[in-house]
Amino acid sequence: MRIVTAVGATALLALYPAQAQTLKPALDYVTAAKIRDGCIAWAAERNLHVATAIFNSDGTLITFAKMDGVPAAIVEIAQWKGKSAATFQEASANTANWGGPAPGMSTWGGGVPFFAEDGSPLGGVGTSGAETGDDIACGEAGIAAAGMRAKAK
């Protein structure tokens, strides 16, 4: 009886062709490090002192940098901005206008999401320590240095 059941189950499987799983693009450490280093280089060229944090689209911190002289509180703010941009897939300058705070949502500019060439979300970079416009520009410079897009298609 068991053999008949096993044969029957196997025969049923033949009716349903296997389907390959499609892997979504994912952020790797090398790309995250290019974003980090590009942002830090941009800030250094302008004599700015920032912290920057790069998260994948799941909100996991991949890499981080804090320039000399940056206060500890700025570190936390950079991470808040980056995680918000990664998980909400929206710039924190925009989420600041969504009508009020929500858990994990940054209400200050400086978090910038980034996307693969096909528009798939890859993560977010959060920068803090300079004026808001410079924080945003620093994150965008890092994204550009890694060959990523700061806007979805």
N, C-alpha and C. Protein backbone atom coordinates (compact mmCIF):
# COMPACT_ATOMS: atom_id res chain seq x y z
N MET A 1 0.82 -1.19 0.00
CA MET A 1 0.00 0.00 0.00
C MET A 1 0.87 1.27 0.00
N ARG A 2 1.95 1.22 0.77
CA ARG A 2 2.83 2.39 0.84
C ARG A 2 3.48 2.67 -0.50
N ILE A 3 3.83 1.61 -1.22
CA ILE A 3 4.47 1.79 -2.52
C ILE A 3 3.48 2.42 -3.49
N VAL A 4 2.25 1.97 -3.46
CA VAL A 4 1.23 2.53 -4.35
C VAL A 4 1.02 4.01 -4.03
N THR A 5 0.98 4.36 -2.75
CA THR A 5 0.80 5.75 -2.35
C THR A 5 1.98 6.60 -2.82
N ALA A 6 3.20 6.08 -2.65
CA ALA A 6 4.38 6.82 -3.07
C ALA A 6 4.40 7.01 -4.58
N VAL A 7 4.05 5.97 -5.32
CA VAL A 7 4.01 6.06 -6.78
C VAL A 7 2.94 7.07 -7.20
N GLY A 8 1.80 7.03 -6.54
CA GLY A 8 0.72 7.96 -6.87
C GLY A 8 1.11 9.40 -6.59
N ALA A 9 1.79 9.64 -5.47
CA ALA A 9 2.23 10.99 -5.13
C ALA A 9 3.26 11.49 -6.13
N THR A 10 4.17 10.60 -6.53
CA THR A 10 5.18 10.96 -7.51
C THR A 10 4.53 11.29 -8.85
N ALA A 11 3.54 10.52 -9.23
CA ALA A 11 2.84 10.77 -10.50
C ALA A 11 2.14 12.13 -10.47
N LEU A 12 1.57 12.49 -9.33
CA LEU A 12 0.91 13.79 -9.21
C LEU A 12 1.91 14.94 -9.37
N LEU A 13 3.12 14.75 -8.86
CA LEU A 13 4.15 15.78 -8.99
C LEU A 13 4.48 16.04 -10.46
N ALA A 14 4.41 15.01 -11.28
CA ALA A 14 4.72 15.16 -12.69
C ALA A 14 3.71 16.06 -13.40
N LEU A 15 2.52 16.20 -12.84
CA LEU A 15 1.50 17.05 -13.45
C LEU A 15 1.80 18.54 -13.27
N TYR A 16 2.62 18.86 -12.29
CA TYR A 16 2.93 20.26 -11.99
C TYR A 16 4.40 20.51 -12.26
N PRO A 17 4.70 21.21 -13.34
CA PRO A 17 6.11 21.43 -13.67
C PRO A 17 6.79 22.30 -12.60
N ALA A 18 8.06 22.01 -12.41
CA ALA A 18 8.84 22.79 -11.44
C ALA A 18 8.98 24.22 -11.93
N GLN A 19 8.93 25.12 -11.00
CA GLN A 19 9.11 26.52 -11.35
C GLN A 19 10.33 27.05 -10.61
N ALA A 20 11.21 27.67 -11.35
CA ALA A 20 12.40 28.23 -10.74
C ALA A 20 12.03 29.48 -9.93
N GLN A 21 12.70 29.63 -8.82
CA GLN A 21 12.50 30.84 -8.04
C GLN A 21 13.30 31.97 -8.67
N THR A 22 12.71 33.12 -8.74
CA THR A 22 13.40 34.28 -9.26
C THR A 22 14.04 35.01 -8.09
N LEU A 23 15.33 35.15 -8.16
CA LEU A 23 16.04 35.86 -7.10
C LEU A 23 15.95 37.35 -7.32
N LYS A 24 15.64 38.08 -6.28
CA LYS A 24 15.61 39.53 -6.40
C LYS A 24 17.02 40.06 -6.20
N PRO A 25 17.36 41.18 -6.81
CA PRO A 25 18.68 41.75 -6.59
C PRO A 25 18.88 42.04 -5.11
N ALA A 26 20.09 41.85 -4.64
CA ALA A 26 20.39 42.07 -3.23
C ALA A 26 21.67 42.89 -3.09
N LEU A 27 21.75 43.65 -2.03
CA LEU A 27 22.93 44.46 -1.73
C LEU A 27 24.02 43.57 -1.15
N ASP A 28 25.22 43.65 -1.73
CA ASP A 28 26.35 42.92 -1.16
C ASP A 28 27.27 43.90 -0.43
N TYR A 29 28.20 43.34 0.34
CA TYR A 29 29.07 44.19 1.15
C TYR A 29 29.95 45.10 0.28
N VAL A 30 30.46 44.58 -0.82
CA VAL A 30 31.36 45.37 -1.67
C VAL A 30 30.64 46.63 -2.17
N THR A 31 29.41 46.48 -2.62
CA THR A 31 28.64 47.64 -3.09
C THR A 31 28.33 48.59 -1.95
N ALA A 32 27.94 48.05 -0.80
CA ALA A 32 27.66 48.88 0.36
C ALA A 32 28.90 49.68 0.78
N ALA A 33 30.07 49.04 0.73
CA ALA A 33 31.31 49.72 1.08
C ALA A 33 31.63 50.84 0.09
N LYS A 34 31.31 50.65 -1.19
CA LYS A 34 31.52 51.71 -2.18
C LYS A 34 30.63 52.91 -1.87
N ILE A 35 29.40 52.66 -1.46
CA ILE A 35 28.49 53.75 -1.09
C ILE A 35 29.05 54.49 0.12
N ARG A 36 29.44 53.74 1.13
CA ARG A 36 30.03 54.33 2.35
C ARG A 36 31.24 55.18 2.00
N ASP A 37 32.18 54.60 1.26
CA ASP A 37 33.42 55.29 0.95
C ASP A 37 33.20 56.50 0.05
N GLY A 38 32.25 56.39 -0.88
CA GLY A 38 31.94 57.53 -1.75
C GLY A 38 31.36 58.69 -0.96
N CYS A 39 30.50 58.40 -0.01
CA CYS A 39 29.92 59.44 0.84
C CYS A 39 31.00 60.09 1.70
N ILE A 40 31.84 59.29 2.32
CA ILE A 40 32.90 59.82 3.19
C ILE A 40 33.88 60.67 2.38
N ALA A 41 34.23 60.23 1.18
CA ALA A 41 35.14 61.01 0.32
C ALA A 41 34.51 62.35 -0.05
N TRP A 42 33.22 62.33 -0.38
CA TRP A 42 32.50 63.57 -0.73
C TRP A 42 32.53 64.53 0.45
N ALA A 43 32.27 64.03 1.64
CA ALA A 43 32.27 64.88 2.84
C ALA A 43 33.67 65.43 3.13
N ALA A 44 34.69 64.58 3.01
CA ALA A 44 36.06 65.01 3.29
C ALA A 44 36.51 66.12 2.33
N GLU A 45 36.11 66.02 1.06
CA GLU A 45 36.46 67.05 0.08
C GLU A 45 35.89 68.41 0.46
N ARG A 46 34.82 68.42 1.23
CA ARG A 46 34.14 69.66 1.63
C ARG A 46 34.39 70.01 3.09
N ASN A 47 35.32 69.29 3.70
CA ASN A 47 35.67 69.51 5.11
C ASN A 47 34.46 69.36 6.03
N LEU A 48 33.58 68.42 5.70
CA LEU A 48 32.43 68.10 6.54
C LEU A 48 32.77 66.86 7.36
N HIS A 49 32.13 66.72 8.50
CA HIS A 49 32.35 65.55 9.36
C HIS A 49 31.01 64.88 9.57
N VAL A 50 30.88 63.67 9.02
CA VAL A 50 29.59 62.98 9.04
C VAL A 50 29.76 61.53 9.50
N ALA A 51 28.63 60.94 9.80
CA ALA A 51 28.51 59.50 9.98
C ALA A 51 27.59 59.01 8.88
N THR A 52 27.86 57.83 8.35
CA THR A 52 27.01 57.28 7.31
C THR A 52 26.79 55.79 7.55
N ALA A 53 25.57 55.35 7.32
CA ALA A 53 25.18 53.96 7.56
C ALA A 53 24.44 53.43 6.35
N ILE A 54 24.81 52.24 5.91
CA ILE A 54 24.21 51.64 4.73
C ILE A 54 23.47 50.36 5.15
N PHE A 55 22.18 50.30 4.79
CA PHE A 55 21.31 49.19 5.14
C PHE A 55 20.82 48.49 3.87
N ASN A 56 20.55 47.19 3.97
CA ASN A 56 19.92 46.50 2.85
C ASN A 56 18.41 46.75 2.90
N SER A 57 17.69 46.23 1.93
CA SER A 57 16.25 46.52 1.83
C SER A 57 15.44 45.90 2.97
N ASP A 58 16.02 44.97 3.70
CA ASP A 58 15.35 44.39 4.87
C ASP A 58 15.57 45.20 6.13
N GLY A 59 16.41 46.24 6.04
CA GLY A 59 16.70 47.06 7.20
C GLY A 59 17.85 46.55 8.05
N THR A 60 18.70 45.71 7.48
CA THR A 60 19.87 45.20 8.19
C THR A 60 21.08 46.08 7.88
N LEU A 61 21.78 46.53 8.92
CA LEU A 61 22.98 47.35 8.74
C LEU A 61 24.06 46.50 8.07
N ILE A 62 24.59 46.99 6.95
CA ILE A 62 25.64 46.28 6.22
C ILE A 62 27.01 46.87 6.53
N THR A 63 27.12 48.20 6.53
CA THR A 63 28.39 48.85 6.85
C THR A 63 28.11 50.26 7.36
N PHE A 64 29.13 50.81 8.02
CA PHE A 64 28.96 52.08 8.71
C PHE A 64 30.31 52.76 8.80
N ALA A 65 30.31 54.10 8.82
CA ALA A 65 31.54 54.86 9.06
C ALA A 65 31.20 56.12 9.84
N LYS A 66 32.11 56.49 10.72
CA LYS A 66 31.99 57.72 11.51
C LYS A 66 33.32 58.45 11.37
N MET A 67 33.26 59.66 10.85
CA MET A 67 34.47 60.45 10.70
C MET A 67 34.91 60.99 12.06
N ASP A 68 36.19 61.29 12.19
CA ASP A 68 36.71 61.85 13.43
C ASP A 68 35.95 63.12 13.80
N GLY A 69 35.66 63.26 15.09
CA GLY A 69 35.01 64.45 15.59
C GLY A 69 33.49 64.42 15.55
N VAL A 70 32.90 63.36 15.04
CA VAL A 70 31.44 63.26 14.97
C VAL A 70 30.91 62.78 16.33
N PRO A 71 29.99 63.52 16.95
CA PRO A 71 29.44 63.12 18.24
C PRO A 71 28.67 61.80 18.16
N ALA A 72 28.62 61.09 19.27
CA ALA A 72 27.96 59.78 19.33
C ALA A 72 26.49 59.85 18.91
N ALA A 73 25.80 60.91 19.28
CA ALA A 73 24.37 61.02 18.93
C ALA A 73 24.16 61.05 17.42
N ILE A 74 25.11 61.61 16.70
CA ILE A 74 25.00 61.70 15.23
C ILE A 74 25.03 60.29 14.62
N VAL A 75 25.77 59.39 15.24
CA VAL A 75 25.84 58.00 14.78
C VAL A 75 24.44 57.39 14.77
N GLU A 76 23.72 57.57 15.87
CA GLU A 76 22.37 57.02 15.98
C GLU A 76 21.43 57.64 14.95
N ILE A 77 21.57 58.93 14.73
CA ILE A 77 20.69 59.62 13.77
C ILE A 77 20.95 59.12 12.35
N ALA A 78 22.22 58.94 11.99
CA ALA A 78 22.55 58.42 10.65
C ALA A 78 21.93 57.04 10.45
N GLN A 79 22.00 56.20 11.47
CA GLN A 79 21.42 54.87 11.35
C GLN A 79 19.90 54.93 11.25
N TRP A 80 19.29 55.80 12.00
CA TRP A 80 17.82 55.98 11.95
C TRP A 80 17.39 56.39 10.54
N LYS A 81 18.11 57.36 9.97
CA LYS A 81 17.77 57.84 8.62
C LYS A 81 17.95 56.74 7.57
N GLY A 82 19.07 56.02 7.65
CA GLY A 82 19.36 54.98 6.67
C GLY A 82 18.39 53.81 6.72
N LYS A 83 18.06 53.38 7.92
CA LYS A 83 17.12 52.26 8.06
C LYS A 83 15.74 52.67 7.58
N SER A 84 15.35 53.90 7.86
CA SER A 84 14.05 54.41 7.39
C SER A 84 14.00 54.40 5.87
N ALA A 85 15.05 54.94 5.23
CA ALA A 85 15.08 54.99 3.76
C ALA A 85 15.05 53.59 3.16
N ALA A 86 15.75 52.65 3.80
CA ALA A 86 15.80 51.28 3.28
C ALA A 86 14.46 50.58 3.40
N THR A 87 13.82 50.68 4.55
CA THR A 87 12.61 49.90 4.79
C THR A 87 11.36 50.54 4.20
N PHE A 88 11.30 51.87 4.16
CA PHE A 88 10.15 52.54 3.56
C PHE A 88 10.36 52.80 2.07
N GLN A 89 11.59 52.60 1.57
CA GLN A 89 11.95 52.82 0.17
C GLN A 89 11.59 54.23 -0.28
N GLU A 90 11.83 55.16 0.61
CA GLU A 90 11.50 56.57 0.36
C GLU A 90 12.52 57.43 1.10
N ALA A 91 12.90 58.54 0.48
CA ALA A 91 13.83 59.47 1.13
C ALA A 91 13.23 59.97 2.44
N SER A 92 14.07 60.08 3.46
CA SER A 92 13.56 60.53 4.76
C SER A 92 13.10 61.98 4.71
N ALA A 93 13.59 62.77 3.76
CA ALA A 93 13.07 64.13 3.59
C ALA A 93 11.60 64.08 3.19
N ASN A 94 11.19 63.01 2.50
CA ASN A 94 9.78 62.84 2.12
C ASN A 94 8.95 62.24 3.24
N THR A 95 9.49 61.23 3.93
CA THR A 95 8.72 60.62 5.02
C THR A 95 8.48 61.63 6.14
N ALA A 96 9.30 62.64 6.22
CA ALA A 96 9.10 63.70 7.22
C ALA A 96 7.77 64.42 7.00
N ASN A 97 7.26 64.35 5.78
CA ASN A 97 6.01 65.05 5.44
C ASN A 97 4.80 64.12 5.39
N TRP A 98 4.91 62.92 5.89
CA TRP A 98 3.83 61.95 5.80
C TRP A 98 2.77 62.12 6.88
N GLY A 99 2.86 63.14 7.66
CA GLY A 99 1.79 63.43 8.62
C GLY A 99 2.06 63.05 10.05
N GLY A 100 3.21 62.54 10.35
CA GLY A 100 3.52 62.21 11.73
C GLY A 100 4.48 61.05 11.82
N PRO A 101 5.08 60.88 12.97
CA PRO A 101 6.06 59.81 13.13
C PRO A 101 5.41 58.43 13.19
N ALA A 102 6.15 57.45 12.78
CA ALA A 102 5.77 56.04 12.89
C ALA A 102 7.02 55.29 13.33
N PRO A 103 6.88 54.13 13.91
CA PRO A 103 8.06 53.38 14.36
C PRO A 103 9.07 53.17 13.24
N GLY A 104 10.30 53.57 13.48
CA GLY A 104 11.37 53.38 12.51
C GLY A 104 11.40 54.37 11.37
N MET A 105 10.48 55.30 11.32
CA MET A 105 10.42 56.25 10.21
C MET A 105 11.12 57.55 10.59
N SER A 106 12.12 57.90 9.81
CA SER A 106 12.85 59.14 10.05
C SER A 106 12.00 60.34 9.64
N THR A 107 12.09 61.37 10.43
CA THR A 107 11.38 62.61 10.12
C THR A 107 12.37 63.74 9.83
N TRP A 108 13.62 63.38 9.55
CA TRP A 108 14.65 64.35 9.16
C TRP A 108 15.27 63.91 7.84
N GLY A 109 15.59 64.87 6.99
CA GLY A 109 16.25 64.56 5.73
C GLY A 109 17.66 64.02 5.95
N GLY A 110 18.12 63.19 5.03
CA GLY A 110 19.46 62.62 5.09
C GLY A 110 19.47 61.12 4.87
N GLY A 111 18.29 60.52 4.77
CA GLY A 111 18.18 59.11 4.42
C GLY A 111 17.76 59.01 2.97
N VAL A 112 18.52 58.26 2.17
CA VAL A 112 18.25 58.16 0.74
C VAL A 112 18.19 56.69 0.34
N PRO A 113 17.06 56.25 -0.24
CA PRO A 113 17.00 54.86 -0.71
C PRO A 113 17.78 54.72 -2.02
N PHE A 114 18.19 53.50 -2.33
CA PHE A 114 18.84 53.27 -3.62
C PHE A 114 18.31 51.99 -4.23
N PHE A 115 18.44 51.93 -5.56
CA PHE A 115 17.76 50.91 -6.35
C PHE A 115 18.71 50.30 -7.37
N ALA A 116 18.42 49.06 -7.76
CA ALA A 116 19.15 48.41 -8.84
C ALA A 116 18.75 49.06 -10.16
N GLU A 117 19.47 48.74 -11.20
CA GLU A 117 19.19 49.32 -12.52
C GLU A 117 17.77 49.05 -12.97
N ASP A 118 17.21 47.90 -12.58
CA ASP A 118 15.84 47.57 -12.99
C ASP A 118 14.78 48.21 -12.10
N GLY A 119 15.21 48.99 -11.11
CA GLY A 119 14.27 49.67 -10.22
C GLY A 119 13.97 48.91 -8.94
N SER A 120 14.54 47.73 -8.77
CA SER A 120 14.32 46.96 -7.54
C SER A 120 15.00 47.66 -6.36
N PRO A 121 14.32 47.76 -5.23
CA PRO A 121 14.94 48.41 -4.06
C PRO A 121 16.08 47.55 -3.50
N LEU A 122 17.21 48.20 -3.22
CA LEU A 122 18.37 47.50 -2.66
C LEU A 122 18.64 47.89 -1.22
N GLY A 123 18.29 49.12 -0.82
CA GLY A 123 18.58 49.54 0.54
C GLY A 123 18.49 51.04 0.71
N GLY A 124 19.16 51.52 1.73
CA GLY A 124 19.16 52.95 2.02
C GLY A 124 20.45 53.36 2.69
N VAL A 125 20.83 54.60 2.46
CA VAL A 125 22.00 55.19 3.12
C VAL A 125 21.50 56.34 3.98
N GLY A 126 22.00 56.39 5.20
CA GLY A 126 21.67 57.50 6.10
C GLY A 126 22.93 58.26 6.43
N THR A 127 22.87 59.57 6.31
CA THR A 127 24.02 60.41 6.60
C THR A 127 23.58 61.51 7.55
N SER A 128 24.44 61.81 8.52
CA SER A 128 24.13 62.86 9.47
C SER A 128 25.42 63.51 9.94
N GLY A 129 25.32 64.76 10.35
CA GLY A 129 26.47 65.49 10.87
C GLY A 129 26.68 66.82 10.19
N ALA A 130 26.08 67.00 9.02
CA ALA A 130 26.19 68.26 8.27
C ALA A 130 24.80 68.87 8.17
N GLU A 131 24.68 69.93 7.40
CA GLU A 131 23.35 70.49 7.13
C GLU A 131 22.55 69.46 6.34
N THR A 132 21.24 69.52 6.43
CA THR A 132 20.39 68.52 5.79
C THR A 132 20.69 68.36 4.30
N GLY A 133 20.83 69.45 3.58
CA GLY A 133 21.13 69.37 2.15
C GLY A 133 22.44 68.65 1.87
N ASP A 134 23.44 68.90 2.72
CA ASP A 134 24.72 68.21 2.56
C ASP A 134 24.62 66.74 2.94
N ASP A 135 23.84 66.42 3.97
CA ASP A 135 23.63 65.01 4.32
C ASP A 135 23.03 64.25 3.13
N ILE A 136 22.02 64.85 2.51
CA ILE A 136 21.37 64.23 1.35
C ILE A 136 22.35 64.09 0.19
N ALA A 137 23.07 65.17 -0.13
CA ALA A 137 24.02 65.16 -1.24
C ALA A 137 25.14 64.14 -1.00
N CYS A 138 25.56 63.99 0.24
CA CYS A 138 26.60 63.02 0.58
C CYS A 138 26.12 61.60 0.30
N GLY A 139 24.91 61.29 0.74
CA GLY A 139 24.35 59.97 0.46
C GLY A 139 24.21 59.72 -1.02
N GLU A 140 23.73 60.71 -1.75
CA GLU A 140 23.58 60.57 -3.20
C GLU A 140 24.93 60.40 -3.89
N ALA A 141 25.97 61.08 -3.39
CA ALA A 141 27.31 60.92 -3.96
C ALA A 141 27.82 59.49 -3.74
N GLY A 142 27.55 58.95 -2.57
CA GLY A 142 27.93 57.56 -2.30
C GLY A 142 27.22 56.59 -3.21
N ILE A 143 25.93 56.81 -3.39
CA ILE A 143 25.14 55.95 -4.27
C ILE A 143 25.69 56.01 -5.70
N ALA A 144 25.99 57.21 -6.17
CA ALA A 144 26.55 57.38 -7.52
C ALA A 144 27.92 56.70 -7.64
N ALA A 145 28.74 56.80 -6.59
CA ALA A 145 30.07 56.19 -6.61
C ALA A 145 30.00 54.67 -6.76
N ALA A 146 28.90 54.09 -6.30
CA ALA A 146 28.72 52.64 -6.41
C ALA A 146 27.98 52.24 -7.68
N GLY A 147 27.60 53.22 -8.50
CA GLY A 147 26.88 52.92 -9.73
C GLY A 147 25.43 52.54 -9.52
N MET A 148 24.87 52.94 -8.39
CA MET A 148 23.46 52.65 -8.09
C MET A 148 22.59 53.85 -8.45
N ARG A 149 21.29 53.68 -8.33
CA ARG A 149 20.32 54.74 -8.61
C ARG A 149 19.70 55.22 -7.30
N ALA A 150 19.54 56.53 -7.16
CA ALA A 150 18.90 57.08 -5.97
C ALA A 150 17.38 57.17 -6.15
N LYS A 151 16.90 56.87 -7.33
CA LYS A 151 15.46 56.93 -7.61
C LYS A 151 15.05 55.64 -8.30
N ALA A 152 13.85 55.19 -8.02
CA ALA A 152 13.33 54.00 -8.71
C ALA A 152 13.03 54.37 -10.15
N LYS A 153 12.97 53.39 -11.02
CA LYS A 153 12.64 53.65 -12.43
C LYS A 153 11.25 54.20 -12.56
